[in-house]
C-alpha atoms as a PDB file:
ATOM      1  CA  MET A   1    -114.290  49.362 129.141  1.00  0.00           C
ATOM      2  CA  ALA A   2    -114.191  50.602 132.742  1.00  0.00           C
ATOM      3  CA  LYS A   3    -113.479  47.078 133.987  1.00  0.00           C
ATOM      4  CA  LYS A   4    -110.485  46.778 131.681  1.00  0.00           C
ATOM      5  CA  THR A   5    -108.928  50.109 132.601  1.00  0.00           C
ATOM      6  CA  PRO A   6    -107.263  48.896 135.850  1.00  0.00           C
ATOM      7  CA  ALA A   7    -105.286  46.395 133.729  1.00  0.00           C
ATOM      8  CA  ALA A   8    -103.549  49.229 131.912  1.00  0.00           C
ATOM      9  CA  PRO A   9    -100.914  49.875 134.630  1.00  0.00           C
ATOM     10  CA  ALA A  10    -100.114  46.159 134.680  1.00  0.00           C
ATOM     11  CA  LEU A  11     -99.662  46.096 130.914  1.00  0.00           C
ATOM     12  CA  LEU A  12     -97.481  49.193 131.138  1.00  0.00           C
ATOM     13  CA  GLU A  13     -95.301  47.491 133.734  1.00  0.00           C
ATOM     14  CA  ILE A  14     -94.983  44.460 131.443  1.00  0.00           C
ATOM     15  CA  GLY A  15     -93.666  46.726 128.691  1.00  0.00           C
ATOM     16  CA  GLU A  16     -91.115  48.350 130.977  1.00  0.00           C
ATOM     17  CA  SER A  17     -90.000  44.981 132.360  1.00  0.00           C
ATOM     18  CA  THR A  18     -89.572  43.748 128.776  1.00  0.00           C
ATOM     19  CA  VAL A  19     -87.210  46.631 128.046  1.00  0.00           C
ATOM     20  CA  ARG A  20     -85.300  45.999 131.298  1.00  0.00           C
ATOM     21  CA  ARG A  21     -85.001  42.302 130.492  1.00  0.00           C
ATOM     22  CA  ARG A  22     -83.646  43.080 127.028  1.00  0.00           C
ATOM     23  CA  ARG A  23     -81.036  45.382 128.515  1.00  0.00           C
ATOM     24  CA  GLY A  24     -79.949  42.930 131.192  1.00  0.00           C
ATOM     25  CA  ARG A  25     -78.130  43.693 134.412  1.00  0.00           C
ATOM     26  CA  GLY A  26     -75.438  45.825 132.833  1.00  0.00           C
ATOM     27  CA  GLY A  27     -77.795  48.524 131.559  1.00  0.00           C
ATOM     28  CA  ALA A  28     -78.640  49.631 128.037  1.00  0.00           C
ATOM     29  CA  LEU A  29     -75.194  48.826 126.619  1.00  0.00           C
ATOM     30  CA  ALA A  30     -74.816  45.387 128.208  1.00  0.00           C
ATOM     31  CA  PRO A  31     -76.275  43.374 125.285  1.00  0.00           C
ATOM     32  CA  TYR A  32     -73.942  45.087 122.821  1.00  0.00           C
ATOM     33  CA  ALA A  33     -70.958  44.395 125.048  1.00  0.00           C
ATOM     34  CA  GLN A  34     -71.724  40.705 124.555  1.00  0.00           C
ATOM     35  CA  ALA A  35     -70.892  41.121 120.870  1.00  0.00           C
ATOM     36  CA  PHE A  36     -67.255  41.831 121.738  1.00  0.00           C
ATOM     37  CA  ARG A  37     -66.914  38.505 123.531  1.00  0.00           C
ATOM     38  CA  THR A  38     -67.339  36.552 120.311  1.00  0.00           C
ATOM     39  CA  ALA A  39     -64.553  35.725 117.859  1.00  0.00           C
ATOM     40  CA  LYS A  40     -65.931  38.128 115.255  1.00  0.00           C
ATOM     41  CA  GLY A  41     -66.404  40.874 117.815  1.00  0.00           C
ATOM     42  CA  ILE A  42     -62.859  40.502 119.150  1.00  0.00           C
ATOM     43  CA  ALA A  43     -61.393  40.505 115.640  1.00  0.00           C
ATOM     44  CA  ALA A  44     -63.428  43.597 114.731  1.00  0.00           C
ATOM     45  CA  ALA A  45     -62.355  45.391 117.911  1.00  0.00           C
ATOM     46  CA  VAL A  46     -58.671  44.607 117.311  1.00  0.00           C
ATOM     47  CA  LEU A  47     -58.786  45.712 113.676  1.00  0.00           C
ATOM     48  CA  LEU A  48     -60.739  48.888 114.396  1.00  0.00           C
ATOM     49  CA  THR A  49     -58.534  49.804 117.345  1.00  0.00           C
ATOM     50  CA  LEU A  50     -55.430  49.383 115.204  1.00  0.00           C
ATOM     51  CA  LEU A  51     -56.840  51.385 112.290  1.00  0.00           C
ATOM     52  CA  VAL A  52     -58.186  54.180 114.479  1.00  0.00           C
ATOM     53  CA  ALA A  53     -54.873  54.371 116.354  1.00  0.00           C
ATOM     54  CA  LEU A  54     -52.944  54.659 113.079  1.00  0.00           C
ATOM     55  CA  ALA A  55     -55.305  57.377 111.870  1.00  0.00           C
ATOM     56  CA  LEU A  56     -55.087  59.365 115.095  1.00  0.00           C
ATOM     57  CA  LEU A  57     -51.314  59.001 115.324  1.00  0.00           C
ATOM     58  CA  ALA A  58     -50.696  59.970 111.685  1.00  0.00           C
ATOM     59  CA  PRO A  59     -49.408  63.475 112.621  1.00  0.00           C
ATOM     60  CA  VAL A  60     -47.062  61.857 115.176  1.00  0.00           C
ATOM     61  CA  LEU A  61     -45.852  59.080 112.879  1.00  0.00           C
ATOM     62  CA  ALA A  62     -45.405  61.500 109.976  1.00  0.00           C
ATOM     63  CA  PRO A  63     -44.767  64.967 111.436  1.00  0.00           C
ATOM     64  CA  GLY A  64     -43.848  66.341 108.022  1.00  0.00           C
ATOM     65  CA  GLY A  65     -47.440  65.985 106.824  1.00  0.00           C
ATOM     66  CA  TYR A  66     -48.946  64.225 103.828  1.00  0.00           C
ATOM     67  CA  ASP A  67     -47.720  66.733 101.230  1.00  0.00           C
ATOM     68  CA  GLN A  68     -43.989  66.608 101.944  1.00  0.00           C
ATOM     69  CA  GLN A  69     -42.108  65.887  98.728  1.00  0.00           C
ATOM     70  CA  ALA A  70     -38.868  64.013  98.097  1.00  0.00           C
ATOM     71  CA  ARG A  71     -36.528  64.283  95.117  1.00  0.00           C
ATOM     72  CA  ASP A  72     -37.443  60.918  93.561  1.00  0.00           C
ATOM     73  CA  ALA A  73     -40.933  60.601  92.106  1.00  0.00           C
ATOM     74  CA  LEU A  74     -42.479  57.153  91.597  1.00  0.00           C
ATOM     75  CA  ALA A  75     -39.573  55.544  93.432  1.00  0.00           C
ATOM     76  CA  GLY A  76     -39.948  51.901  94.374  1.00  0.00           C
ATOM     77  CA  PRO A  77     -40.172  50.580  97.941  1.00  0.00           C
ATOM     78  CA  SER A  78     -37.108  51.269 100.072  1.00  0.00           C
ATOM     79  CA  ALA A  79     -36.060  51.628 103.691  1.00  0.00           C
ATOM     80  CA  ALA A  80     -36.926  55.328 103.600  1.00  0.00           C
ATOM     81  CA  HIS A  81     -40.235  54.825 101.782  1.00  0.00           C
ATOM     82  CA  LEU A  82     -41.721  51.401 102.495  1.00  0.00           C
ATOM     83  CA  LEU A  83     -44.216  51.557  99.622  1.00  0.00           C
ATOM     84  CA  GLY A  84     -42.303  54.029  97.504  1.00  0.00           C
ATOM     85  CA  THR A  85     -43.279  57.539  96.488  1.00  0.00           C
ATOM     86  CA  ASP A  86     -46.057  58.913  94.300  1.00  0.00           C
ATOM     87  CA  GLU A  87     -45.829  61.046  91.165  1.00  0.00           C
ATOM     88  CA  PHE A  88     -44.834  64.090  93.255  1.00  0.00           C
ATOM     89  CA  GLY A  89     -42.294  62.279  95.422  1.00  0.00           C
ATOM     90  CA  ARG A  90     -44.627  62.028  98.437  1.00  0.00           C
ATOM     91  CA  ASP A  91     -44.409  58.980 100.692  1.00  0.00           C
ATOM     92  CA  ILE A  92     -47.241  56.544  99.892  1.00  0.00           C
ATOM     93  CA  VAL A  93     -47.373  55.099 103.422  1.00  0.00           C
ATOM     94  CA  VAL A  94     -47.756  58.568 104.917  1.00  0.00           C
ATOM     95  CA  ARG A  95     -50.516  59.506 102.486  1.00  0.00           C
ATOM     96  CA  THR A  96     -52.247  56.175 103.173  1.00  0.00           C
ATOM     97  CA  LEU A  97     -52.303  56.953 106.905  1.00  0.00           C
ATOM     98  CA  TYR A  98     -53.764  60.390 106.278  1.00  0.00           C
ATOM     99  CA  GLY A  99     -56.184  58.898 103.738  1.00  0.00           C
ATOM    100  CA  LEU A 100     -57.361  56.466 106.414  1.00  0.00           C
ATOM    101  CA  ARG A 101     -57.793  59.440 108.751  1.00  0.00           C
ATOM    102  CA  THR A 102     -59.954  61.172 106.123  1.00  0.00           C
ATOM    103  CA  ASP A 103     -62.109  58.100 105.471  1.00  0.00           C
ATOM    104  CA  LEU A 104     -62.678  57.327 109.136  1.00  0.00           C
ATOM    105  CA  GLY A 105     -63.551  60.931 109.897  1.00  0.00           C
ATOM    106  CA  LEU A 106     -66.011  60.934 107.019  1.00  0.00           C
ATOM    107  CA  ILE A 107     -67.880  57.704 107.742  1.00  0.00           C
ATOM    108  CA  LEU A 108     -67.874  58.104 111.529  1.00  0.00           C
ATOM    109  CA  THR A 109     -69.637  61.446 111.185  1.00  0.00           C
ATOM    110  CA  ALA A 110     -71.857  60.869 108.131  1.00  0.00           C
ATOM    111  CA  VAL A 111     -73.259  57.462 109.125  1.00  0.00           C
ATOM    112  CA  PRO A 112     -74.459  58.497 112.630  1.00  0.00           C
ATOM    113  CA  VAL A 113     -76.060  61.628 111.155  1.00  0.00           C
ATOM    114  CA  SER A 114     -77.802  59.493 108.524  1.00  0.00           C
ATOM    115  CA  MET A 115     -78.929  57.063 111.242  1.00  0.00           C
ATOM    116  CA  VAL A 116     -80.450  59.787 113.418  1.00  0.00           C
ATOM    117  CA  ILE A 117     -82.214  61.606 110.564  1.00  0.00           C
ATOM    118  CA  GLY A 118     -83.430  58.379 108.949  1.00  0.00           C
ATOM    119  CA  THR A 119     -84.746  57.031 112.250  1.00  0.00           C
ATOM    120  CA  LEU A 120     -86.626  60.256 112.960  1.00  0.00           C
ATOM    121  CA  LEU A 121     -88.154  60.168 109.477  1.00  0.00           C
ATOM    122  CA  GLY A 122     -89.206  56.562 110.009  1.00  0.00           C
ATOM    123  CA  LEU A 123     -90.801  57.365 113.368  1.00  0.00           C
ATOM    124  CA  ALA A 124     -92.620  60.424 112.001  1.00  0.00           C
ATOM    125  CA  GLY A 125     -95.708  58.268 111.484  1.00  0.00           C
ATOM    126  CA  TYR A 126     -96.242  58.153 115.236  1.00  0.00           C
ATOM    127  CA  VAL A 127     -96.727  61.912 115.238  1.00  0.00           C
ATOM    128  CA  SER A 128     -99.007  62.008 112.197  1.00  0.00           C
ATOM    129  CA  ARG A 129    -100.117  59.295 109.794  1.00  0.00           C
ATOM    130  CA  LEU A 130    -100.059  61.800 106.927  1.00  0.00           C
ATOM    131  CA  LEU A 131     -96.524  62.914 107.831  1.00  0.00           C
ATOM    132  CA  GLY A 132     -95.424  59.295 108.055  1.00  0.00           C
ATOM    133  CA  SER A 133     -96.790  58.498 104.601  1.00  0.00           C
ATOM    134  CA  ALA A 134     -95.168  61.612 103.120  1.00  0.00           C
ATOM    135  CA  THR A 135     -91.740  60.806 104.567  1.00  0.00           C
ATOM    136  CA  GLN A 136     -91.960  57.228 103.286  1.00  0.00           C
ATOM    137  CA  ARG A 137     -92.666  58.468  99.762  1.00  0.00           C
ATOM    138  CA  VAL A 138     -89.571  60.691  99.966  1.00  0.00           C
ATOM    139  CA  LEU A 139     -87.492  57.754 101.182  1.00  0.00           C
ATOM    140  CA  ASP A 140     -88.863  55.584  98.355  1.00  0.00           C
ATOM    141  CA  ILE A 141     -87.711  58.198  95.827  1.00  0.00           C
ATOM    142  CA  ILE A 142     -84.207  58.226  97.336  1.00  0.00           C
ATOM    143  CA  LEU A 143     -84.188  54.423  97.370  1.00  0.00           C
ATOM    144  CA  GLY A 144     -84.876  54.409  93.639  1.00  0.00           C
ATOM    145  CA  PHE A 145     -81.367  55.717  92.945  1.00  0.00           C
ATOM    146  CA  PRO A 146     -78.310  53.448  93.366  1.00  0.00           C
ATOM    147  CA  GLY A 147     -75.931  54.845  95.964  1.00  0.00           C
ATOM    148  CA  LEU A 148     -73.164  55.685  93.506  1.00  0.00           C
ATOM    149  CA  ILE A 149     -75.525  57.356  91.021  1.00  0.00           C
ATOM    150  CA  LEU A 150     -77.113  59.370  93.821  1.00  0.00           C
ATOM    151  CA  GLY A 151     -73.655  60.369  95.019  1.00  0.00           C
ATOM    152  CA  ILE A 152     -72.645  61.503  91.525  1.00  0.00           C
ATOM    153  CA  MET A 153     -75.803  63.641  91.287  1.00  0.00           C
ATOM    154  CA  ILE A 154     -75.116  65.274  94.649  1.00  0.00           C
ATOM    155  CA  VAL A 155     -71.455  65.908  93.822  1.00  0.00           C
ATOM    156  CA  MET A 156     -72.422  67.437  90.489  1.00  0.00           C
ATOM    157  CA  MET A 157     -74.774  69.833  92.297  1.00  0.00           C
ATOM    158  CA  ILE A 158     -72.503  70.729  95.231  1.00  0.00           C
ATOM    159  CA  GLY A 159     -69.055  70.225  93.772  1.00  0.00           C
ATOM    160  CA  ALA A 160     -66.420  67.627  94.626  1.00  0.00           C
ATOM    161  CA  GLY A 161     -65.059  67.634  98.153  1.00  0.00           C
ATOM    162  CA  TRP A 162     -65.634  66.473 101.714  1.00  0.00           C
ATOM    163  CA  THR A 163     -69.014  68.206 102.030  1.00  0.00           C
ATOM    164  CA  ALA A 164     -70.376  66.528  98.912  1.00  0.00           C
ATOM    165  CA  LEU A 165     -69.203  63.103 100.060  1.00  0.00           C
ATOM    166  CA  PHE A 166     -70.727  63.701 103.500  1.00  0.00           C
ATOM    167  CA  THR A 167     -74.053  64.735 101.964  1.00  0.00           C
ATOM    168  CA  ALA A 168     -74.059  61.766  99.577  1.00  0.00           C
ATOM    169  CA  ILE A 169     -73.421  59.244 102.357  1.00  0.00           C
ATOM    170  CA  VAL A 170     -76.042  60.794 104.647  1.00  0.00           C
ATOM    171  CA  THR A 171     -78.681  60.929 101.907  1.00  0.00           C
ATOM    172  CA  ALA A 172     -78.071  57.433 100.529  1.00  0.00           C
ATOM    173  CA  GLY A 173     -78.443  55.907 104.005  1.00  0.00           C
ATOM    174  CA  LEU A 174     -81.770  57.521 104.899  1.00  0.00           C
ATOM    175  CA  PRO A 175     -84.074  54.908 103.293  1.00  0.00           C
ATOM    176  CA  GLY A 176     -82.446  51.976 105.080  1.00  0.00           C
ATOM    177  CA  PHE A 177     -82.710  53.550 108.524  1.00  0.00           C
ATOM    178  CA  GLY A 178     -86.133  55.065 107.843  1.00  0.00           C
ATOM    179  CA  ARG A 179     -87.722  51.807 106.677  1.00  0.00           C
ATOM    180  CA  LEU A 180     -86.310  49.864 109.631  1.00  0.00           C
ATOM    181  CA  ALA A 181     -87.586  52.472 112.084  1.00  0.00           C
ATOM    182  CA  ARG A 182     -91.045  52.519 110.481  1.00  0.00           C
ATOM    183  CA  ALA A 183     -91.260  48.719 110.502  1.00  0.00           C
ATOM    184  CA  GLY A 184     -90.403  48.703 114.191  1.00  0.00           C
ATOM    185  CA  LEU A 185     -92.920  51.456 114.855  1.00  0.00           C
ATOM    186  CA  LEU A 186     -95.734  49.587 113.119  1.00  0.00           C
ATOM    187  CA  ALA A 187     -94.891  46.450 115.087  1.00  0.00           C
ATOM    188  CA  GLN A 188     -94.671  48.173 118.467  1.00  0.00           C
ATOM    189  CA  GLN A 189     -97.448  50.745 118.415  1.00  0.00           C
ATOM    190  CA  GLN A 190    -100.118  48.033 118.543  1.00  0.00           C
ATOM    191  CA  ARG A 191     -98.529  46.174 121.444  1.00  0.00           C
ATOM    192  CA  GLU A 192    -100.565  45.985 124.626  1.00  0.00           C
ATOM    193  CA  TYR A 193     -98.195  48.034 126.769  1.00  0.00           C
ATOM    194  CA  VAL A 194     -98.087  50.857 124.214  1.00  0.00           C
ATOM    195  CA  LEU A 195    -101.894  50.926 124.063  1.00  0.00           C
ATOM    196  CA  ALA A 196    -101.972  50.842 127.865  1.00  0.00           C
ATOM    197  CA  ALA A 197     -99.649  53.837 128.047  1.00  0.00           C
ATOM    198  CA  ARG A 198    -101.949  55.763 125.719  1.00  0.00           C
ATOM    199  CA  VAL A 199    -104.995  54.806 127.826  1.00  0.00           C
ATOM    200  CA  LEU A 200    -103.248  56.128 130.930  1.00  0.00           C
ATOM    201  CA  GLY A 201    -102.549  59.418 129.152  1.00  0.00           C
ATOM    202  CA  VAL A 202     -98.771  59.033 128.961  1.00  0.00           C
ATOM    203  CA  PRO A 203     -97.433  61.747 126.594  1.00  0.00           C
ATOM    204  CA  ARG A 204     -96.498  60.554 123.117  1.00  0.00           C
ATOM    205  CA  PRO A 205     -92.812  61.580 123.440  1.00  0.00           C
ATOM    206  CA  THR A 206     -92.550  59.527 126.636  1.00  0.00           C
ATOM    207  CA  VAL A 207     -94.158  56.506 124.983  1.00  0.00           C
ATOM    208  CA  MET A 208     -91.760  56.869 122.088  1.00  0.00           C
ATOM    209  CA  VAL A 209     -88.631  57.101 124.261  1.00  0.00           C
ATOM    210  CA  ARG A 210     -89.538  54.523 126.922  1.00  0.00           C
ATOM    211  CA  HIS A 211     -91.424  51.882 124.966  1.00  0.00           C
ATOM    212  CA  ILE A 212     -91.046  52.127 121.181  1.00  0.00           C
ATOM    213  CA  LEU A 213     -87.474  53.304 120.598  1.00  0.00           C
ATOM    214  CA  PRO A 214     -85.772  50.741 122.906  1.00  0.00           C
ATOM    215  CA  ASN A 215     -87.519  47.963 120.984  1.00  0.00           C
ATOM    216  CA  VAL A 216     -86.447  49.153 117.516  1.00  0.00           C
ATOM    217  CA  VAL A 217     -82.881  50.226 118.269  1.00  0.00           C
ATOM    218  CA  ASP A 218     -81.227  46.823 117.698  1.00  0.00           C
ATOM    219  CA  PRO A 219     -81.787  46.508 113.926  1.00  0.00           C
ATOM    220  CA  ILE A 220     -80.968  50.196 113.476  1.00  0.00           C
ATOM    221  CA  LEU A 221     -77.566  49.839 115.164  1.00  0.00           C
ATOM    222  CA  VAL A 222     -76.792  46.733 113.118  1.00  0.00           C
ATOM    223  CA  GLN A 223     -77.802  48.631 109.987  1.00  0.00           C
ATOM    224  CA  ALA A 224     -75.440  51.454 110.995  1.00  0.00           C
ATOM    225  CA  THR A 225     -72.441  49.111 111.066  1.00  0.00           C
ATOM    226  CA  VAL A 226     -73.500  47.525 107.768  1.00  0.00           C
ATOM    227  CA  TYR A 227     -73.919  50.946 106.196  1.00  0.00           C
ATOM    228  CA  MET A 228     -70.428  51.982 107.271  1.00  0.00           C
ATOM    229  CA  VAL A 229     -69.106  49.373 104.826  1.00  0.00           C
ATOM    230  CA  VAL A 230     -71.372  50.835 102.121  1.00  0.00           C
ATOM    231  CA  ALA A 231     -70.180  54.349 103.003  1.00  0.00           C
ATOM    232  CA  ILE A 232     -66.553  53.267 102.586  1.00  0.00           C
ATOM    233  CA  PHE A 233     -67.263  52.103  99.050  1.00  0.00           C
ATOM    234  CA  ILE A 234     -69.352  55.174  98.231  1.00  0.00           C
ATOM    235  CA  GLU A 235     -66.319  57.311  99.065  1.00  0.00           C
ATOM    236  CA  ALA A 236     -64.006  54.985  97.144  1.00  0.00           C
ATOM    237  CA  GLY A 237     -66.337  54.787  94.143  1.00  0.00           C
ATOM    238  CA  LEU A 238     -66.811  58.542  93.855  1.00  0.00           C
ATOM    239  CA  SER A 239     -63.088  59.158  94.349  1.00  0.00           C
ATOM    240  CA  ILE A 240     -62.127  56.584  91.720  1.00  0.00           C
ATOM    241  CA  VAL A 241     -64.187  58.456  89.131  1.00  0.00           C
ATOM    242  CA  GLY A 242     -62.572  61.724  90.219  1.00  0.00           C
ATOM    243  CA  LEU A 243     -65.458  63.110  92.315  1.00  0.00           C
ATOM    244  CA  GLY A 244     -64.018  62.651  95.789  1.00  0.00           C
ATOM    245  CA  ILE A 245     -61.714  64.579  98.091  1.00  0.00           C
ATOM    246  CA  ASN A 246     -59.990  67.499  96.366  1.00  0.00           C
ATOM    247  CA  PRO A 247     -56.200  67.150  95.946  1.00  0.00           C
ATOM    248  CA  PRO A 248     -53.728  67.413  97.521  1.00  0.00           C
ATOM    249  CA  ASN A 249     -55.820  66.138 100.445  1.00  0.00           C
ATOM    250  CA  PRO A 250     -55.552  62.328 100.515  1.00  0.00           C
ATOM    251  CA  SER A 251     -58.262  59.693 100.805  1.00  0.00           C
ATOM    252  CA  LEU A 252     -58.031  55.976 100.190  1.00  0.00           C
ATOM    253  CA  GLY A 253     -60.315  56.162  97.162  1.00  0.00           C
ATOM    254  CA  ALA A 254     -58.448  59.120  95.670  1.00  0.00           C
ATOM    255  CA  MET A 255     -55.149  57.284  96.045  1.00  0.00           C
ATOM    256  CA  LEU A 256     -56.587  54.255  94.246  1.00  0.00           C
ATOM    257  CA  ASN A 257     -57.769  56.562  91.479  1.00  0.00           C
ATOM    258  CA  VAL A 258     -54.317  58.026  90.882  1.00  0.00           C
ATOM    259  CA  GLY A 259     -52.424  54.818  91.647  1.00  0.00           C
ATOM    260  CA  ALA A 260     -54.296  52.896  88.949  1.00  0.00           C
ATOM    261  CA  ARG A 261     -52.447  54.978  86.339  1.00  0.00           C
ATOM    262  CA  TYR A 262     -49.084  53.703  87.595  1.00  0.00           C
ATOM    263  CA  ILE A 263     -50.028  50.138  88.529  1.00  0.00           C
ATOM    264  CA  ASP A 264     -47.697  48.638  85.913  1.00  0.00           C
ATOM    265  CA  SER A 265     -44.606  50.521  87.041  1.00  0.00           C
ATOM    266  CA  LEU A 266     -45.421  50.832  90.766  1.00  0.00           C
ATOM    267  CA  PRO A 267     -47.959  48.247  92.041  1.00  0.00           C
ATOM    268  CA  ALA A 268     -47.269  49.329  95.632  1.00  0.00           C
ATOM    269  CA  TYR A 269     -49.063  52.613  94.864  1.00  0.00           C
ATOM    270  CA  VAL A 270     -52.439  50.846  95.034  1.00  0.00           C
ATOM    271  CA  LEU A 271     -51.363  48.056  97.398  1.00  0.00           C
ATOM    272  CA  GLY A 272     -51.207  50.242 100.510  1.00  0.00           C
ATOM    273  CA  PRO A 273     -54.525  52.116 100.238  1.00  0.00           C
ATOM    274  CA  GLY A 274     -56.244  49.056  98.769  1.00  0.00           C
ATOM    275  CA  LEU A 275     -55.213  46.848 101.684  1.00  0.00           C
ATOM    276  CA  VAL A 276     -56.211  49.442 104.274  1.00  0.00           C
ATOM    277  CA  LEU A 277     -59.572  49.922 102.532  1.00  0.00           C
ATOM    278  CA  LEU A 278     -60.130  46.161 102.612  1.00  0.00           C
ATOM    279  CA  LEU A 279     -59.230  45.903 106.312  1.00  0.00           C
ATOM    280  CA  LEU A 280     -61.507  48.826 107.144  1.00  0.00           C
ATOM    281  CA  ALA A 281     -64.450  47.226 105.346  1.00  0.00           C
ATOM    282  CA  LEU A 282     -63.665  43.842 106.910  1.00  0.00           C
ATOM    283  CA  SER A 283     -63.603  45.277 110.432  1.00  0.00           C
ATOM    284  CA  PHE A 284     -67.054  46.850 110.090  1.00  0.00           C
ATOM    285  CA  THR A 285     -68.414  43.685 108.444  1.00  0.00           C
ATOM    286  CA  LEU A 286     -67.230  41.578 111.372  1.00  0.00           C
ATOM    287  CA  LEU A 287     -68.646  44.136 113.806  1.00  0.00           C
ATOM    288  CA  SER A 288     -72.072  44.070 112.126  1.00  0.00           C
ATOM    289  CA  ASP A 289     -72.146  40.251 112.248  1.00  0.00           C
ATOM    290  CA  ALA A 290     -71.220  40.255 115.942  1.00  0.00           C
ATOM    291  CA  LEU A 291     -73.851  42.864 116.820  1.00  0.00           C
ATOM    292  CA  ASN A 292     -76.472  41.023 114.786  1.00  0.00           C
ATOM    293  CA  GLN A 293     -75.773  37.787 116.649  1.00  0.00           C
ATOM    294  CA  ALA A 294     -75.949  39.548 120.015  1.00  0.00           C
ATOM    295  CA  ALA A 295     -79.238  41.251 119.078  1.00  0.00           C
ATOM    296  CA  ASN A 296     -80.861  38.034 117.830  1.00  0.00           C
ATOM    297  CA  ARG A 297     -79.780  36.179 120.932  1.00  0.00           C
ATOM    298  CA  ARG A 298     -82.089  38.299 123.104  1.00  0.00           C
END
């Protein structure tokens, strides 16, 4: 064993050079920047930029707010109201913009939180084998519930609203992130450079940050973009059954829920939020495909 010990620094350097090679010359974000040079990446960037800009500029584009009422309720499309008005005389375009703002704010906060917590749960096995097994059993239990059913259970316990939707999206995403992180951990912790780091007495947190985490981050980031599409439909599904954002606050799913009642007399009621919901899901789908191609190319 003593003769093999001097090889440990060399193996450790191989591991670090592997991480540097994966990152490329541009640093840690360089490989992901490649995704935005593909057709799918460019299309996703354009769509997301447009949607985010509309959401951020909603108070500027509609200074009266989403609850401003006109005299005519359920009026058809006109120059003043491009998609008409809802049952309270509120402009459907304005409420769609604010609904987009609500949905983006929800998924762009809930999905990263789910990613971080799920990844930490998946990597818990590196701290303790018993802890790792326990967290996996918890994730298996969560995985046993379909996302919409799990969301309904959480909403029934907490009560409808933004907090319940946030909790449902975070909880439903934990198994996906946790299982990916654990799979990466099991693959990396037996690699030569990880074993070499342990032989040299490198602290476990350092090994985790410098050697294991950089080699499992790619599938986790791709999963995050995929799960954003799932999160969009979790919000829409819960809102359609009346368990989403509390009125009068708008969301795309809540507007589809109410608009379905008037689809015969005013199809534009569901056209606006439905189209925006579709474009939002499409943009994240294209982004996940582009990131997946960039990750697999390395």
